[in-house]
Structure formats: C-alpha cells, structure tokens
C-alpha cells in the first residue's frame, strides 16, 4: 500500500489513519526515520541496547549469566553477531 503525504512548513508529516492501522501503530506512536537510497524509511523506535540485553537474558539464571564462555575471544563473532561458530 502506498500513498502521497505532504510535509508541513516544519517538516512534520501526518500519516493517514489507514496506514497507521495497517502497520499496527497506535495513535501518536513514535517512529524512527532514516534515509536510504534517497528514500525516507520509517521504523519502530527500538529500546536502548541495555534494555534489549535485559529482555534477552530475563529468563536466564544468575549462575548461567555469571559463567563466561571459554572460547569468547576465538568465537567473538558468534557471541556478538550470532554467526555460526568457527571450527576450532
């Protein structure tokens, strides 16, 4: 679905209600905007990284969280970016 929207004198955009409903946005939702290939791309506001980490580790036990990986240096791409582990 696409439509034409106009920016007001301050640069503010008002998105049509059907767009917001289709995207699952609530009234007055905040969005991030970035420019990619000359286009404005809107997306959800992501929580700060520390909140993301808390959410990802919420169900882990304290014992598990305190146990560091033994191959952290050699497999850092796996732990940071989720890439497959490299053969040792």
N, C-alpha and C. Protein backbone atom coordinates (compact mmCIF):
# COMPACT_ATOMS: atom_id res chain seq x y z
N UNK A 1 0.85 -1.17 0.00
CA UNK A 1 0.00 0.00 0.00
C UNK A 1 0.90 1.23 0.00
N UNK A 2 0.61 2.20 -0.83
CA UNK A 2 1.37 3.44 -0.83
C UNK A 2 0.42 4.61 -1.02
N UNK A 3 0.85 5.76 -0.59
CA UNK A 3 0.07 6.99 -0.73
C UNK A 3 1.02 8.17 -0.72
N UNK A 4 0.53 9.31 -1.09
CA UNK A 4 1.33 10.54 -1.08
C UNK A 4 1.01 11.29 0.20
N UNK A 5 2.05 11.70 0.92
CA UNK A 5 1.89 12.53 2.11
C UNK A 5 2.67 13.81 1.89
N UNK A 6 2.23 14.88 2.54
CA UNK A 6 2.90 16.17 2.40
C UNK A 6 3.44 16.61 3.74
N UNK A 7 4.61 17.21 3.71
CA UNK A 7 5.21 17.76 4.92
C UNK A 7 4.70 19.19 5.10
N UNK A 8 4.44 19.57 6.36
CA UNK A 8 4.05 20.95 6.62
C UNK A 8 5.29 21.84 6.64
N UNK A 9 5.14 23.09 6.97
CA UNK A 9 6.24 24.06 6.94
C UNK A 9 7.38 23.67 7.88
N UNK A 10 7.07 22.91 8.95
CA UNK A 10 8.11 22.49 9.90
C UNK A 10 8.76 21.18 9.49
N UNK A 11 8.23 20.54 8.46
CA UNK A 11 8.75 19.24 8.03
C UNK A 11 7.99 18.07 8.63
N UNK A 12 6.97 18.36 9.44
CA UNK A 12 6.19 17.29 10.07
C UNK A 12 5.30 16.61 9.05
N UNK A 13 5.17 15.29 9.19
CA UNK A 13 4.29 14.51 8.32
C UNK A 13 3.13 13.98 9.15
N UNK A 14 1.98 13.91 8.53
CA UNK A 14 0.83 13.24 9.15
C UNK A 14 0.50 12.07 8.26
N UNK A 15 0.58 10.88 8.82
CA UNK A 15 0.27 9.67 8.05
C UNK A 15 -1.23 9.39 8.12
N UNK A 16 -1.81 8.93 7.02
CA UNK A 16 -3.23 8.61 7.04
C UNK A 16 -3.53 7.51 8.05
N UNK A 17 -4.71 7.58 8.66
CA UNK A 17 -5.12 6.62 9.69
C UNK A 17 -5.06 5.19 9.18
N UNK A 18 -5.45 4.95 7.92
CA UNK A 18 -5.43 3.57 7.40
C UNK A 18 -4.01 3.03 7.30
N UNK A 19 -3.03 3.90 7.05
CA UNK A 19 -1.63 3.49 7.05
C UNK A 19 -1.22 3.02 8.44
N UNK A 20 -1.57 3.83 9.43
CA UNK A 20 -1.22 3.51 10.80
C UNK A 20 -1.86 2.20 11.24
N UNK A 21 -3.12 2.02 10.92
CA UNK A 21 -3.81 0.77 11.29
C UNK A 21 -3.16 -0.42 10.60
N UNK A 22 -2.86 -0.28 9.31
CA UNK A 22 -2.25 -1.37 8.54
C UNK A 22 -0.89 -1.76 9.13
N UNK A 23 -0.16 -0.78 9.65
CA UNK A 23 1.17 -1.03 10.23
C UNK A 23 1.09 -1.43 11.70
N UNK A 24 -0.11 -1.42 12.28
CA UNK A 24 -0.25 -1.78 13.69
C UNK A 24 0.22 -0.69 14.64
N UNK A 25 0.21 0.57 14.18
CA UNK A 25 0.64 1.68 15.02
C UNK A 25 -0.52 2.25 15.82
N UNK A 26 -0.21 2.62 17.03
CA UNK A 26 -1.21 3.27 17.86
C UNK A 26 -1.16 4.77 17.60
N UNK A 27 -2.20 5.46 18.01
CA UNK A 27 -2.26 6.91 17.85
C UNK A 27 -1.07 7.56 18.56
N UNK A 28 -0.43 8.49 17.93
CA UNK A 28 0.72 9.25 18.46
C UNK A 28 1.96 8.37 18.69
N UNK A 29 2.07 7.26 17.97
CA UNK A 29 3.25 6.39 18.09
C UNK A 29 4.48 7.12 17.57
N UNK A 30 5.62 6.86 18.21
CA UNK A 30 6.88 7.42 17.75
C UNK A 30 7.54 6.46 16.78
N UNK A 31 8.16 6.99 15.75
CA UNK A 31 8.86 6.19 14.75
C UNK A 31 10.25 6.76 14.55
N UNK A 32 11.16 5.91 14.10
CA UNK A 32 12.48 6.40 13.68
C UNK A 32 12.42 6.60 12.17
N UNK A 33 13.20 7.53 11.69
CA UNK A 33 13.26 7.78 10.25
C UNK A 33 14.72 7.81 9.84
N UNK A 34 15.01 7.16 8.73
CA UNK A 34 16.37 7.21 8.18
C UNK A 34 16.27 7.31 6.67
N UNK A 35 17.31 7.82 6.08
CA UNK A 35 17.33 7.97 4.63
C UNK A 35 18.20 6.87 4.05
N UNK A 36 17.60 6.09 3.14
CA UNK A 36 18.31 5.01 2.44
C UNK A 36 18.04 5.14 0.96
N UNK A 37 19.07 5.24 0.16
CA UNK A 37 18.93 5.35 -1.30
C UNK A 37 17.96 6.45 -1.70
N UNK A 38 18.03 7.59 -1.00
CA UNK A 38 17.19 8.73 -1.33
C UNK A 38 15.74 8.59 -0.88
N UNK A 39 15.44 7.55 -0.10
CA UNK A 39 14.08 7.35 0.39
C UNK A 39 14.06 7.48 1.91
N UNK A 40 12.96 7.98 2.45
CA UNK A 40 12.80 8.06 3.89
C UNK A 40 12.15 6.76 4.34
N UNK A 41 12.82 6.04 5.22
CA UNK A 41 12.34 4.76 5.73
C UNK A 41 11.92 4.95 7.18
N UNK A 42 10.68 4.61 7.49
CA UNK A 42 10.18 4.71 8.85
C UNK A 42 10.22 3.35 9.51
N UNK A 43 10.50 3.32 10.79
CA UNK A 43 10.54 2.05 11.53
C UNK A 43 10.21 2.29 12.99
N UNK A 44 10.07 1.20 13.72
CA UNK A 44 9.75 1.34 15.15
C UNK A 44 10.93 1.90 15.93
N UNK A 45 10.62 2.54 17.03
CA UNK A 45 11.66 3.01 17.94
C UNK A 45 12.12 1.81 18.75
N UNK A 46 13.39 1.49 18.66
CA UNK A 46 13.93 0.34 19.39
C UNK A 46 14.36 0.76 20.79
N UNK A 47 14.16 -0.12 21.76
CA UNK A 47 14.64 0.22 23.10
C UNK A 47 16.17 0.29 23.12
N UNK A 48 16.74 1.00 24.08
CA UNK A 48 18.20 1.08 24.18
C UNK A 48 18.81 -0.32 24.32
N UNK A 49 20.07 -0.45 23.92
CA UNK A 49 20.74 -1.75 23.92
C UNK A 49 20.71 -2.42 25.28
N UNK A 50 20.84 -1.66 26.36
CA UNK A 50 20.85 -2.28 27.69
C UNK A 50 19.47 -2.88 28.01
N UNK A 51 18.39 -2.28 27.53
CA UNK A 51 17.07 -2.87 27.74
C UNK A 51 16.91 -4.13 26.89
N UNK A 52 17.46 -4.11 25.68
CA UNK A 52 17.41 -5.30 24.82
C UNK A 52 18.14 -6.46 25.48
N UNK A 53 19.31 -6.18 26.08
CA UNK A 53 20.09 -7.22 26.75
C UNK A 53 19.31 -7.77 27.94
N UNK A 54 18.70 -6.90 28.73
CA UNK A 54 17.91 -7.34 29.87
C UNK A 54 16.76 -8.23 29.40
N UNK A 55 16.08 -7.84 28.32
CA UNK A 55 14.98 -8.64 27.80
C UNK A 55 15.45 -10.00 27.29
N UNK A 56 16.62 -10.04 26.65
CA UNK A 56 17.15 -11.30 26.12
C UNK A 56 17.61 -12.25 27.22
N UNK A 57 18.04 -11.69 28.35
CA UNK A 57 18.59 -12.53 29.41
C UNK A 57 17.64 -12.68 30.59
N UNK A 58 16.41 -12.21 30.47
CA UNK A 58 15.47 -12.20 31.59
C UNK A 58 15.19 -13.60 32.14
N UNK A 59 15.17 -14.61 31.29
CA UNK A 59 14.84 -15.96 31.76
C UNK A 59 16.08 -16.80 32.11
N UNK A 60 17.27 -16.22 32.02
CA UNK A 60 18.50 -16.95 32.35
C UNK A 60 18.75 -16.88 33.86
N UNK A 61 19.28 -17.95 34.39
CA UNK A 61 19.59 -17.97 35.83
C UNK A 61 20.84 -17.13 36.09
N UNK A 62 20.97 -16.66 37.32
CA UNK A 62 22.15 -15.87 37.69
C UNK A 62 23.42 -16.69 37.51
N UNK A 63 23.35 -17.97 37.84
CA UNK A 63 24.51 -18.86 37.67
C UNK A 63 24.95 -18.90 36.21
N UNK A 64 23.99 -19.00 35.30
CA UNK A 64 24.31 -19.05 33.87
C UNK A 64 24.89 -17.72 33.39
N UNK A 65 24.34 -16.60 33.88
CA UNK A 65 24.84 -15.29 33.47
C UNK A 65 26.26 -15.02 33.95
N UNK A 66 26.63 -15.59 35.10
CA UNK A 66 27.96 -15.37 35.65
C UNK A 66 29.01 -16.30 35.05
N UNK A 67 28.59 -17.26 34.24
CA UNK A 67 29.51 -18.22 33.64
C UNK A 67 29.96 -17.70 32.26
N UNK A 68 31.18 -17.17 32.17
CA UNK A 68 31.63 -16.63 30.88
C UNK A 68 31.95 -17.76 29.89
N UNK A 69 31.85 -17.49 28.60
CA UNK A 69 32.23 -18.51 27.62
C UNK A 69 33.74 -18.72 27.65
N UNK A 70 34.17 -19.96 27.48
CA UNK A 70 35.59 -20.25 27.49
C UNK A 70 36.26 -19.96 26.15
N UNK A 71 35.45 -19.78 25.11
CA UNK A 71 36.01 -19.51 23.78
C UNK A 71 35.60 -18.11 23.28
N UNK A 72 35.39 -17.18 24.21
CA UNK A 72 34.91 -15.85 23.87
C UNK A 72 35.79 -15.09 22.89
N UNK A 73 37.10 -15.22 23.02
CA UNK A 73 37.99 -14.48 22.13
C UNK A 73 38.00 -15.08 20.73
N UNK A 74 38.10 -16.39 20.64
CA UNK A 74 38.19 -17.02 19.32
C UNK A 74 36.85 -17.06 18.59
N UNK A 75 35.76 -16.98 19.32
CA UNK A 75 34.43 -17.07 18.70
C UNK A 75 33.62 -15.78 18.91
N UNK A 76 34.33 -14.63 18.97
CA UNK A 76 33.63 -13.38 19.28
C UNK A 76 32.54 -13.03 18.27
N UNK A 77 32.72 -13.36 17.00
CA UNK A 77 31.67 -13.07 16.01
C UNK A 77 30.39 -13.84 16.33
N UNK A 78 30.54 -15.05 16.82
CA UNK A 78 29.37 -15.85 17.19
C UNK A 78 28.62 -15.20 18.34
N UNK A 79 29.35 -14.77 19.36
CA UNK A 79 28.71 -14.21 20.55
C UNK A 79 28.18 -12.79 20.32
N UNK A 80 28.84 -12.01 19.47
CA UNK A 80 28.40 -10.65 19.21
C UNK A 80 27.32 -10.56 18.14
N UNK A 81 27.48 -11.34 17.07
CA UNK A 81 26.61 -11.17 15.90
C UNK A 81 25.76 -12.40 15.57
N UNK A 82 25.96 -13.49 16.28
CA UNK A 82 25.16 -14.68 16.04
C UNK A 82 25.59 -15.50 14.84
N UNK A 83 26.78 -15.25 14.32
CA UNK A 83 27.26 -16.05 13.20
C UNK A 83 27.57 -17.47 13.70
N UNK A 84 27.60 -18.46 12.78
CA UNK A 84 27.93 -19.81 13.22
C UNK A 84 29.34 -19.86 13.82
N UNK A 85 29.52 -20.74 14.79
CA UNK A 85 30.86 -20.88 15.38
C UNK A 85 31.82 -21.42 14.34
N UNK A 86 33.07 -20.91 14.39
CA UNK A 86 34.11 -21.39 13.50
C UNK A 86 34.70 -22.68 14.06
N UNK A 87 35.14 -23.58 13.19
CA UNK A 87 35.79 -24.79 13.70
C UNK A 87 37.06 -24.42 14.46
N UNK A 88 37.33 -25.14 15.50
CA UNK A 88 38.50 -24.83 16.32
C UNK A 88 39.73 -25.52 15.83
